[in-house]
Amino acid sequence: MIQSYKQKINLEEKYDAIIIGSGIGSLCTAALLSKEGKKVLVLERHYTAGGFTHVFKRKGYEWDVGIHYIGEVQNPNTPIRKMFDYISNDKLKWADMGEVYDKIIIGNKTYDFVKGVKNFKAKMHEYFPNEKNAIDNYIELVYKSNKSMKKFYMDKSLPSLLSKLFGFFLRKDYLKF
């Protein structure tokens, strides 16, 4: 149940977890904990829950600062897809963003970001033919960074003593980035 902070909340009740802020990380954490039977209180000072997952409007301008695409959800076996399926009881449906998922406009030039690594790389080579090596190196660096991130976050889940003993070996590759 979502309840406005302006409404009276009985803070004398016992909570298993109190989460400050209602961004996507906090809301996912609260959902996971509550699905595991924990009583969770999420506190948010803004009038809308969701952190950077909603649209902001000011002085006649509107912008979306939040997530507009999430990688690796097309594969039902990835950890992030499994988490979303668990939180939503498999009710969350993912929409394909189309061949062009982003467009960058600088002056009178337009650059389409296209779906698929091979397609993306080919499109960037087309836009910047003299930068093929830099583009290839960049994409390889992104892959290496992502691969090393798994061990980095694995360390975060270890008990403190184990992290002190072995965490360096899990963190070292990611810390290079």
N, C-alpha and C. Protein backbone atom coordinates (compact mmCIF):
# COMPACT_ATOMS: atom_id res chain seq x y z
N MET A 1 0.85 -1.17 0.00
CA MET A 1 0.00 0.00 0.00
C MET A 1 0.89 1.24 0.00
N ILE A 2 0.65 2.15 -0.92
CA ILE A 2 1.38 3.41 -0.95
C ILE A 2 0.56 4.45 -0.20
N GLN A 3 1.23 5.13 0.71
CA GLN A 3 0.55 6.12 1.55
C GLN A 3 1.39 7.39 1.54
N SER A 4 0.77 8.53 1.34
CA SER A 4 1.49 9.79 1.31
C SER A 4 2.12 10.07 2.67
N TYR A 5 3.31 10.69 2.64
CA TYR A 5 3.96 11.02 3.90
C TYR A 5 3.16 12.04 4.70
N LYS A 6 2.26 12.75 4.01
CA LYS A 6 1.45 13.75 4.70
C LYS A 6 0.37 13.09 5.56
N GLN A 7 0.06 11.85 5.25
CA GLN A 7 -0.93 11.14 6.04
C GLN A 7 -0.26 10.62 7.31
N LYS A 8 -1.07 10.34 8.29
CA LYS A 8 -0.53 9.89 9.57
C LYS A 8 -0.07 8.43 9.46
N ILE A 9 1.18 8.21 9.79
CA ILE A 9 1.75 6.87 9.79
C ILE A 9 2.10 6.52 11.23
N ASN A 10 1.73 5.34 11.65
CA ASN A 10 2.04 4.89 13.00
C ASN A 10 3.49 4.39 13.03
N LEU A 11 4.39 5.26 13.44
CA LEU A 11 5.81 4.89 13.46
C LEU A 11 6.17 3.99 14.64
N GLU A 12 5.20 3.73 15.49
CA GLU A 12 5.46 2.81 16.60
C GLU A 12 5.36 1.36 16.14
N GLU A 13 4.80 1.16 14.94
CA GLU A 13 4.74 -0.19 14.41
C GLU A 13 6.16 -0.68 14.17
N LYS A 14 6.33 -1.98 14.18
CA LYS A 14 7.65 -2.57 13.96
C LYS A 14 7.84 -2.87 12.48
N TYR A 15 8.93 -2.38 11.93
CA TYR A 15 9.28 -2.64 10.54
C TYR A 15 10.56 -3.45 10.50
N ASP A 16 10.63 -4.35 9.53
CA ASP A 16 11.86 -5.11 9.34
C ASP A 16 12.91 -4.27 8.61
N ALA A 17 12.43 -3.33 7.80
CA ALA A 17 13.35 -2.45 7.06
C ALA A 17 12.69 -1.10 6.84
N ILE A 18 13.48 -0.06 6.96
CA ILE A 18 13.03 1.30 6.63
C ILE A 18 13.96 1.77 5.53
N ILE A 19 13.37 2.16 4.40
CA ILE A 19 14.15 2.57 3.24
C ILE A 19 13.91 4.06 3.00
N ILE A 20 15.00 4.80 2.91
CA ILE A 20 14.92 6.24 2.69
C ILE A 20 15.07 6.50 1.20
N GLY A 21 14.07 7.12 0.60
CA GLY A 21 14.09 7.42 -0.83
C GLY A 21 13.30 6.38 -1.60
N SER A 22 12.70 6.82 -2.71
CA SER A 22 11.86 5.91 -3.48
C SER A 22 12.29 5.82 -4.93
N GLY A 23 13.59 5.87 -5.17
CA GLY A 23 14.09 5.65 -6.53
C GLY A 23 13.91 4.20 -6.92
N ILE A 24 14.27 3.85 -8.14
CA ILE A 24 14.03 2.49 -8.61
C ILE A 24 14.76 1.45 -7.78
N GLY A 25 15.97 1.78 -7.30
CA GLY A 25 16.70 0.83 -6.45
C GLY A 25 15.99 0.59 -5.14
N SER A 26 15.51 1.66 -4.53
CA SER A 26 14.78 1.53 -3.27
C SER A 26 13.47 0.78 -3.45
N LEU A 27 12.74 1.09 -4.52
CA LEU A 27 11.46 0.42 -4.75
C LEU A 27 11.66 -1.06 -5.05
N CYS A 28 12.71 -1.39 -5.82
CA CYS A 28 13.00 -2.81 -6.08
C CYS A 28 13.38 -3.53 -4.79
N THR A 29 14.20 -2.88 -3.98
CA THR A 29 14.60 -3.48 -2.70
C THR A 29 13.38 -3.70 -1.81
N ALA A 30 12.51 -2.70 -1.72
CA ALA A 30 11.30 -2.83 -0.91
C ALA A 30 10.41 -3.94 -1.43
N ALA A 31 10.27 -4.04 -2.74
CA ALA A 31 9.43 -5.09 -3.33
C ALA A 31 10.01 -6.47 -3.04
N LEU A 32 11.33 -6.61 -3.20
CA LEU A 32 11.96 -7.90 -2.92
C LEU A 32 11.81 -8.30 -1.46
N LEU A 33 12.05 -7.35 -0.55
CA LEU A 33 11.92 -7.64 0.88
C LEU A 33 10.48 -8.00 1.24
N SER A 34 9.52 -7.25 0.70
CA SER A 34 8.12 -7.53 1.04
C SER A 34 7.67 -8.86 0.46
N LYS A 35 8.17 -9.23 -0.71
CA LYS A 35 7.82 -10.54 -1.28
C LYS A 35 8.39 -11.68 -0.43
N GLU A 36 9.42 -11.38 0.33
CA GLU A 36 10.01 -12.37 1.22
C GLU A 36 9.40 -12.31 2.62
N GLY A 37 8.28 -11.58 2.75
CA GLY A 37 7.55 -11.55 4.01
C GLY A 37 7.97 -10.48 4.99
N LYS A 38 8.84 -9.57 4.58
CA LYS A 38 9.30 -8.51 5.48
C LYS A 38 8.33 -7.34 5.44
N LYS A 39 8.22 -6.65 6.57
CA LYS A 39 7.40 -5.45 6.65
C LYS A 39 8.32 -4.26 6.39
N VAL A 40 8.01 -3.50 5.33
CA VAL A 40 8.92 -2.47 4.83
C VAL A 40 8.22 -1.11 4.83
N LEU A 41 8.94 -0.09 5.28
CA LEU A 41 8.48 1.29 5.21
C LEU A 41 9.42 2.04 4.28
N VAL A 42 8.86 2.67 3.23
CA VAL A 42 9.64 3.50 2.31
C VAL A 42 9.27 4.95 2.58
N LEU A 43 10.28 5.76 2.87
CA LEU A 43 10.06 7.18 3.13
C LEU A 43 10.60 7.99 1.95
N GLU A 44 9.79 8.94 1.48
CA GLU A 44 10.16 9.78 0.35
C GLU A 44 9.73 11.21 0.63
N ARG A 45 10.60 12.17 0.44
CA ARG A 45 10.24 13.57 0.72
C ARG A 45 9.59 14.26 -0.48
N HIS A 46 9.81 13.75 -1.69
CA HIS A 46 9.19 14.33 -2.88
C HIS A 46 7.72 13.92 -2.93
N TYR A 47 6.90 14.70 -3.60
CA TYR A 47 5.47 14.38 -3.63
C TYR A 47 5.13 13.21 -4.54
N THR A 48 6.08 12.76 -5.36
CA THR A 48 5.85 11.61 -6.23
C THR A 48 6.91 10.56 -5.96
N ALA A 49 6.48 9.33 -5.76
CA ALA A 49 7.43 8.24 -5.58
C ALA A 49 8.06 7.90 -6.92
N GLY A 50 9.26 7.36 -6.90
CA GLY A 50 9.89 6.89 -8.13
C GLY A 50 11.22 7.53 -8.46
N GLY A 51 11.63 8.51 -7.70
CA GLY A 51 12.93 9.13 -7.98
C GLY A 51 13.02 9.62 -9.40
N PHE A 52 14.07 9.18 -10.10
CA PHE A 52 14.28 9.63 -11.48
C PHE A 52 13.56 8.75 -12.49
N THR A 53 12.47 8.10 -12.09
CA THR A 53 11.74 7.26 -13.04
C THR A 53 10.51 7.96 -13.61
N HIS A 54 10.35 9.23 -13.35
CA HIS A 54 9.19 9.94 -13.88
C HIS A 54 9.60 11.21 -14.60
N VAL A 55 8.64 11.85 -15.21
CA VAL A 55 8.87 13.07 -15.99
C VAL A 55 8.79 14.29 -15.09
N PHE A 56 9.68 15.23 -15.32
CA PHE A 56 9.65 16.49 -14.59
C PHE A 56 9.19 17.60 -15.53
N LYS A 57 8.43 18.54 -14.99
CA LYS A 57 7.98 19.70 -15.78
C LYS A 57 8.29 20.96 -14.98
N ARG A 58 8.94 21.92 -15.64
CA ARG A 58 9.23 23.20 -15.01
C ARG A 58 9.27 24.28 -16.07
N LYS A 59 8.60 25.40 -15.78
CA LYS A 59 8.63 26.59 -16.63
C LYS A 59 8.37 26.27 -18.11
N GLY A 60 7.38 25.44 -18.36
CA GLY A 60 7.01 25.12 -19.74
C GLY A 60 7.88 24.07 -20.41
N TYR A 61 8.87 23.52 -19.72
CA TYR A 61 9.72 22.47 -20.27
C TYR A 61 9.40 21.15 -19.60
N GLU A 62 9.59 20.09 -20.34
CA GLU A 62 9.35 18.75 -19.82
C GLU A 62 10.52 17.87 -20.21
N TRP A 63 11.00 17.05 -19.27
CA TRP A 63 12.07 16.14 -19.59
C TRP A 63 11.96 14.86 -18.75
N ASP A 64 12.48 13.82 -19.35
CA ASP A 64 12.49 12.51 -18.73
C ASP A 64 13.92 12.23 -18.30
N VAL A 65 14.14 12.17 -17.01
CA VAL A 65 15.50 11.96 -16.52
C VAL A 65 15.75 10.50 -16.16
N GLY A 66 14.72 9.69 -16.31
CA GLY A 66 14.81 8.33 -15.82
C GLY A 66 15.16 7.31 -16.88
N ILE A 67 14.92 6.10 -16.51
CA ILE A 67 15.24 4.96 -17.35
C ILE A 67 14.29 4.94 -18.53
N HIS A 68 14.85 4.85 -19.73
CA HIS A 68 13.98 4.68 -20.88
C HIS A 68 14.31 3.40 -21.64
N TYR A 69 15.35 2.74 -21.25
CA TYR A 69 15.57 1.37 -21.72
C TYR A 69 16.45 0.65 -20.72
N ILE A 70 16.25 -0.66 -20.65
CA ILE A 70 16.98 -1.50 -19.71
C ILE A 70 17.56 -2.66 -20.50
N GLY A 71 18.85 -2.84 -20.41
CA GLY A 71 19.51 -3.91 -21.16
C GLY A 71 19.30 -5.28 -20.54
N GLU A 72 19.47 -6.29 -21.36
CA GLU A 72 19.47 -7.70 -20.98
C GLU A 72 18.13 -8.24 -20.51
N VAL A 73 17.03 -7.51 -20.73
CA VAL A 73 15.73 -8.04 -20.31
C VAL A 73 15.09 -8.88 -21.39
N GLN A 74 15.63 -8.87 -22.61
CA GLN A 74 15.07 -9.69 -23.67
C GLN A 74 15.34 -11.18 -23.42
N ASN A 75 16.35 -11.47 -22.62
CA ASN A 75 16.70 -12.86 -22.30
C ASN A 75 16.11 -13.22 -20.94
N PRO A 76 15.18 -14.16 -20.89
CA PRO A 76 14.53 -14.50 -19.61
C PRO A 76 15.46 -15.14 -18.58
N ASN A 77 16.69 -15.47 -18.96
CA ASN A 77 17.62 -16.12 -18.04
C ASN A 77 18.62 -15.18 -17.40
N THR A 78 18.59 -13.89 -17.74
CA THR A 78 19.54 -12.96 -17.12
C THR A 78 19.06 -12.60 -15.72
N PRO A 79 19.99 -12.31 -14.81
CA PRO A 79 19.59 -11.97 -13.44
C PRO A 79 18.63 -10.79 -13.35
N ILE A 80 18.84 -9.75 -14.16
CA ILE A 80 17.96 -8.58 -14.06
C ILE A 80 16.55 -8.93 -14.53
N ARG A 81 16.43 -9.74 -15.58
CA ARG A 81 15.11 -10.15 -16.06
C ARG A 81 14.42 -11.03 -15.01
N LYS A 82 15.17 -11.93 -14.40
CA LYS A 82 14.58 -12.79 -13.36
C LYS A 82 14.09 -11.95 -12.18
N MET A 83 14.86 -10.91 -11.82
CA MET A 83 14.44 -10.05 -10.72
C MET A 83 13.13 -9.33 -11.05
N PHE A 84 13.06 -8.74 -12.24
CA PHE A 84 11.82 -8.05 -12.63
C PHE A 84 10.64 -9.01 -12.71
N ASP A 85 10.88 -10.21 -13.22
CA ASP A 85 9.80 -11.20 -13.29
C ASP A 85 9.33 -11.58 -11.88
N TYR A 86 10.27 -11.74 -10.97
CA TYR A 86 9.91 -12.09 -9.59
C TYR A 86 9.11 -10.98 -8.92
N ILE A 87 9.60 -9.75 -9.03
CA ILE A 87 8.93 -8.60 -8.40
C ILE A 87 7.51 -8.43 -8.94
N SER A 88 7.36 -8.62 -10.25
CA SER A 88 6.06 -8.35 -10.89
C SER A 88 5.18 -9.59 -11.04
N ASN A 89 5.60 -10.71 -10.47
CA ASN A 89 4.88 -11.98 -10.66
C ASN A 89 4.69 -12.30 -12.14
N ASP A 90 5.72 -12.07 -12.92
CA ASP A 90 5.74 -12.32 -14.37
C ASP A 90 4.71 -11.50 -15.15
N LYS A 91 4.25 -10.40 -14.58
CA LYS A 91 3.23 -9.59 -15.25
C LYS A 91 3.81 -8.41 -16.03
N LEU A 92 5.09 -8.11 -15.83
CA LEU A 92 5.71 -7.00 -16.53
C LEU A 92 6.00 -7.43 -17.97
N LYS A 93 5.51 -6.67 -18.91
CA LYS A 93 5.73 -6.98 -20.32
C LYS A 93 6.71 -5.97 -20.90
N TRP A 94 7.67 -6.46 -21.65
CA TRP A 94 8.71 -5.62 -22.19
C TRP A 94 8.40 -5.27 -23.63
N ALA A 95 8.53 -4.01 -23.99
CA ALA A 95 8.27 -3.55 -25.35
C ALA A 95 9.59 -3.40 -26.09
N ASP A 96 9.62 -3.86 -27.31
CA ASP A 96 10.79 -3.66 -28.16
C ASP A 96 10.86 -2.17 -28.50
N MET A 97 12.03 -1.61 -28.44
CA MET A 97 12.18 -0.18 -28.68
C MET A 97 12.36 0.15 -30.16
N GLY A 98 12.33 -0.85 -31.00
CA GLY A 98 12.52 -0.61 -32.43
C GLY A 98 13.98 -0.65 -32.81
N GLU A 99 14.22 -0.53 -34.10
CA GLU A 99 15.60 -0.59 -34.60
C GLU A 99 16.44 0.58 -34.11
N VAL A 100 15.86 1.77 -34.07
CA VAL A 100 16.56 2.96 -33.57
C VAL A 100 16.05 3.23 -32.16
N TYR A 101 16.91 3.06 -31.17
CA TYR A 101 16.48 3.23 -29.78
C TYR A 101 16.86 4.59 -29.21
N ASP A 102 17.72 5.31 -29.88
CA ASP A 102 18.10 6.65 -29.44
C ASP A 102 18.56 7.44 -30.64
N LYS A 103 18.45 8.75 -30.53
CA LYS A 103 18.85 9.64 -31.63
C LYS A 103 19.56 10.83 -31.00
N ILE A 104 20.74 11.10 -31.49
CA ILE A 104 21.53 12.24 -31.02
C ILE A 104 21.53 13.29 -32.13
N ILE A 105 21.17 14.51 -31.80
CA ILE A 105 21.14 15.58 -32.78
C ILE A 105 22.11 16.67 -32.31
N ILE A 106 23.09 16.95 -33.15
CA ILE A 106 24.07 18.00 -32.86
C ILE A 106 24.08 18.93 -34.07
N GLY A 107 23.56 20.13 -33.87
CA GLY A 107 23.44 21.07 -34.98
C GLY A 107 22.52 20.50 -36.04
N ASN A 108 23.03 20.35 -37.27
CA ASN A 108 22.19 19.80 -38.33
C ASN A 108 22.50 18.33 -38.62
N LYS A 109 23.27 17.70 -37.76
CA LYS A 109 23.61 16.28 -37.94
C LYS A 109 22.81 15.42 -36.96
N THR A 110 22.39 14.26 -37.45
CA THR A 110 21.63 13.31 -36.64
C THR A 110 22.38 11.98 -36.63
N TYR A 111 22.48 11.39 -35.43
CA TYR A 111 23.14 10.10 -35.27
C TYR A 111 22.15 9.13 -34.62
N ASP A 112 21.83 8.06 -35.35
CA ASP A 112 20.92 7.05 -34.82
C ASP A 112 21.71 6.00 -34.05
N PHE A 113 21.22 5.65 -32.87
CA PHE A 113 21.76 4.53 -32.11
C PHE A 113 20.85 3.35 -32.41
N VAL A 114 21.40 2.32 -33.01
CA VAL A 114 20.60 1.19 -33.49
C VAL A 114 20.79 -0.05 -32.62
N LYS A 115 19.76 -0.89 -32.63
CA LYS A 115 19.72 -2.10 -31.82
C LYS A 115 20.74 -3.12 -32.31
N GLY A 116 21.36 -3.83 -31.36
CA GLY A 116 22.32 -4.88 -31.67
C GLY A 116 23.74 -4.34 -31.74
N VAL A 117 24.65 -5.04 -31.10
CA VAL A 117 26.04 -4.55 -31.03
C VAL A 117 26.66 -4.47 -32.42
N LYS A 118 26.47 -5.50 -33.24
CA LYS A 118 27.05 -5.47 -34.59
C LYS A 118 26.47 -4.31 -35.40
N ASN A 119 25.16 -4.12 -35.30
CA ASN A 119 24.51 -3.03 -36.03
C ASN A 119 25.00 -1.68 -35.51
N PHE A 120 25.10 -1.54 -34.18
CA PHE A 120 25.57 -0.30 -33.57
C PHE A 120 26.98 0.03 -34.05
N LYS A 121 27.85 -0.98 -34.00
CA LYS A 121 29.24 -0.78 -34.41
C LYS A 121 29.31 -0.37 -35.89
N ALA A 122 28.56 -1.05 -36.75
CA ALA A 122 28.56 -0.72 -38.18
C ALA A 122 28.06 0.71 -38.41
N LYS A 123 27.02 1.11 -37.67
CA LYS A 123 26.46 2.46 -37.83
C LYS A 123 27.48 3.51 -37.37
N MET A 124 28.16 3.25 -36.27
CA MET A 124 29.18 4.19 -35.78
C MET A 124 30.35 4.27 -36.76
N HIS A 125 30.75 3.13 -37.35
CA HIS A 125 31.81 3.13 -38.36
C HIS A 125 31.38 3.96 -39.57
N GLU A 126 30.09 3.86 -39.92
CA GLU A 126 29.55 4.65 -41.04
C GLU A 126 29.64 6.15 -40.75
N TYR A 127 29.26 6.53 -39.52
CA TYR A 127 29.29 7.95 -39.14
C TYR A 127 30.72 8.47 -39.00
N PHE A 128 31.60 7.64 -38.46
CA PHE A 128 32.96 8.07 -38.13
C PHE A 128 33.98 7.07 -38.72
N PRO A 129 34.15 7.05 -40.04
CA PRO A 129 35.02 6.04 -40.68
C PRO A 129 36.48 6.13 -40.25
N ASN A 130 36.94 7.28 -39.82
CA ASN A 130 38.34 7.42 -39.39
C ASN A 130 38.55 7.00 -37.94
N GLU A 131 37.48 6.60 -37.26
CA GLU A 131 37.56 6.25 -35.83
C GLU A 131 37.21 4.80 -35.56
N LYS A 132 37.36 3.93 -36.56
CA LYS A 132 36.96 2.53 -36.40
C LYS A 132 37.67 1.86 -35.22
N ASN A 133 38.97 2.08 -35.09
CA ASN A 133 39.71 1.45 -33.98
C ASN A 133 39.22 1.97 -32.63
N ALA A 134 38.99 3.28 -32.53
CA ALA A 134 38.51 3.87 -31.27
C ALA A 134 37.12 3.32 -30.92
N ILE A 135 36.26 3.18 -31.92
CA ILE A 135 34.90 2.64 -31.69
C ILE A 135 34.99 1.19 -31.23
N ASP A 136 35.80 0.38 -31.91
CA ASP A 136 35.97 -1.02 -31.53
C ASP A 136 36.54 -1.15 -30.13
N ASN A 137 37.54 -0.32 -29.81
CA ASN A 137 38.14 -0.33 -28.47
C ASN A 137 37.13 0.07 -27.41
N TYR A 138 36.31 1.07 -27.71
CA TYR A 138 35.28 1.51 -26.77
C TYR A 138 34.29 0.37 -26.47
N ILE A 139 33.81 -0.29 -27.51
CA ILE A 139 32.85 -1.38 -27.32
C ILE A 139 33.48 -2.52 -26.53
N GLU A 140 34.72 -2.85 -26.81
CA GLU A 140 35.43 -3.88 -26.07
C GLU A 140 35.58 -3.48 -24.60
N LEU A 141 35.87 -2.22 -24.35
CA LEU A 141 36.02 -1.71 -22.99
C LEU A 141 34.69 -1.82 -22.22
N VAL A 142 33.59 -1.53 -22.88
CA VAL A 142 32.28 -1.67 -22.24
C VAL A 142 32.04 -3.12 -21.85
N TYR A 143 32.36 -4.06 -22.74
CA TYR A 143 32.20 -5.48 -22.43
C TYR A 143 33.07 -5.89 -21.24
N LYS A 144 34.33 -5.48 -21.25
CA LYS A 144 35.24 -5.83 -20.14
C LYS A 144 34.75 -5.25 -18.82
N SER A 145 34.30 -4.01 -18.85
CA SER A 145 33.78 -3.36 -17.64
C SER A 145 32.57 -4.11 -17.10
N ASN A 146 31.63 -4.44 -17.99
CA ASN A 146 30.44 -5.18 -17.56
C ASN A 146 30.79 -6.54 -16.99
N LYS A 147 31.72 -7.23 -17.62
CA LYS A 147 32.12 -8.56 -17.14
C LYS A 147 32.75 -8.47 -15.74
N SER A 148 33.59 -7.46 -15.53
CA SER A 148 34.25 -7.32 -14.23
C SER A 148 33.29 -6.85 -13.14
N MET A 149 32.20 -6.22 -13.54
CA MET A 149 31.23 -5.70 -12.57
C MET A 149 30.57 -6.82 -11.77
N LYS A 150 30.38 -7.98 -12.38
CA LYS A 150 29.73 -9.10 -11.69
C LYS A 150 30.50 -9.49 -10.43
N LYS A 151 31.82 -9.61 -10.56
CA LYS A 151 32.64 -9.96 -9.39
C LYS A 151 32.64 -8.84 -8.35
N PHE A 152 32.67 -7.60 -8.84
CA PHE A 152 32.65 -6.45 -7.94
C PHE A 152 31.41 -6.50 -7.04
N TYR A 153 30.24 -6.73 -7.63
CA TYR A 153 29.01 -6.77 -6.85
C TYR A 153 28.86 -8.06 -6.05
N MET A 154 29.52 -9.11 -6.50
CA MET A 154 29.53 -10.33 -5.71
C MET A 154 30.21 -10.06 -4.37
N ASP A 155 31.29 -9.29 -4.40
CA ASP A 155 31.98 -8.92 -3.17
C ASP A 155 31.06 -8.17 -2.21
N LYS A 156 30.18 -7.34 -2.75
CA LYS A 156 29.25 -6.56 -1.91
C LYS A 156 28.31 -7.45 -1.11
N SER A 157 28.08 -8.68 -1.59
CA SER A 157 27.16 -9.58 -0.90
C SER A 157 27.86 -10.48 0.12
N LEU A 158 29.18 -10.40 0.18
CA LEU A 158 29.93 -11.24 1.13
C LEU A 158 29.87 -10.67 2.54
N PRO A 159 29.92 -11.55 3.53
CA PRO A 159 30.08 -11.06 4.91
C PRO A 159 31.38 -10.25 5.02
N SER A 160 31.41 -9.33 5.94
CA SER A 160 32.52 -8.39 6.09
C SER A 160 33.88 -9.09 6.17
N LEU A 161 33.98 -10.13 6.97
CA LEU A 161 35.26 -10.82 7.13
C LEU A 161 35.73 -11.43 5.82
N LEU A 162 34.83 -12.10 5.09
CA LEU A 162 35.20 -12.70 3.82
C LEU A 162 35.59 -11.63 2.79
N SER A 163 34.88 -10.51 2.82
CA SER A 163 35.21 -9.42 1.91
C SER A 163 36.60 -8.88 2.20
N LYS A 164 36.94 -8.75 3.48
CA LYS A 164 38.27 -8.26 3.85
C LYS A 164 39.37 -9.23 3.41
N LEU A 165 39.07 -10.53 3.49
CA LEU A 165 40.07 -11.53 3.12
C LEU A 165 40.19 -11.72 1.61
N PHE A 166 39.06 -11.78 0.91
CA PHE A 166 39.07 -12.15 -0.51
C PHE A 166 38.52 -11.08 -1.45
N GLY A 167 37.91 -10.05 -0.91
CA GLY A 167 37.22 -9.06 -1.74
C GLY A 167 38.11 -8.37 -2.74
N PHE A 168 39.36 -8.14 -2.40
CA PHE A 168 40.26 -7.45 -3.32
C PHE A 168 40.32 -8.17 -4.67
N PHE A 169 40.37 -9.51 -4.62
CA PHE A 169 40.48 -10.29 -5.85
C PHE A 169 39.20 -10.18 -6.69
N LEU A 170 38.07 -9.95 -6.05
CA LEU A 170 36.82 -9.78 -6.78
C LEU A 170 36.66 -8.36 -7.31
N ARG A 171 37.23 -7.39 -6.60
CA ARG A 171 37.06 -5.97 -6.96
C ARG A 171 38.11 -5.46 -7.94
N LYS A 172 39.30 -6.03 -7.94
CA LYS A 172 40.46 -5.42 -8.60
C LYS A 172 40.24 -5.13 -10.08
N ASP A 173 39.64 -6.06 -10.84
CA ASP A 173 39.46 -5.80 -12.27
C ASP A 173 38.51 -4.63 -12.51
N TYR A 174 37.44 -4.57 -11.74
CA TYR A 174 36.47 -3.49 -11.93
C TYR A 174 37.05 -2.14 -11.53
N LEU A 175 37.85 -2.12 -10.47
CA LEU A 175 38.42 -0.86 -9.99
C LEU A 175 39.36 -0.21 -11.00
N LYS A 176 39.84 -0.98 -11.97
CA LYS A 176 40.67 -0.41 -13.04
C LYS A 176 39.85 0.59 -13.87
N PHE A 177 38.55 0.32 -13.93
CA PHE A 177 37.68 1.18 -14.75
C PHE A 177 37.23 2.40 -13.98
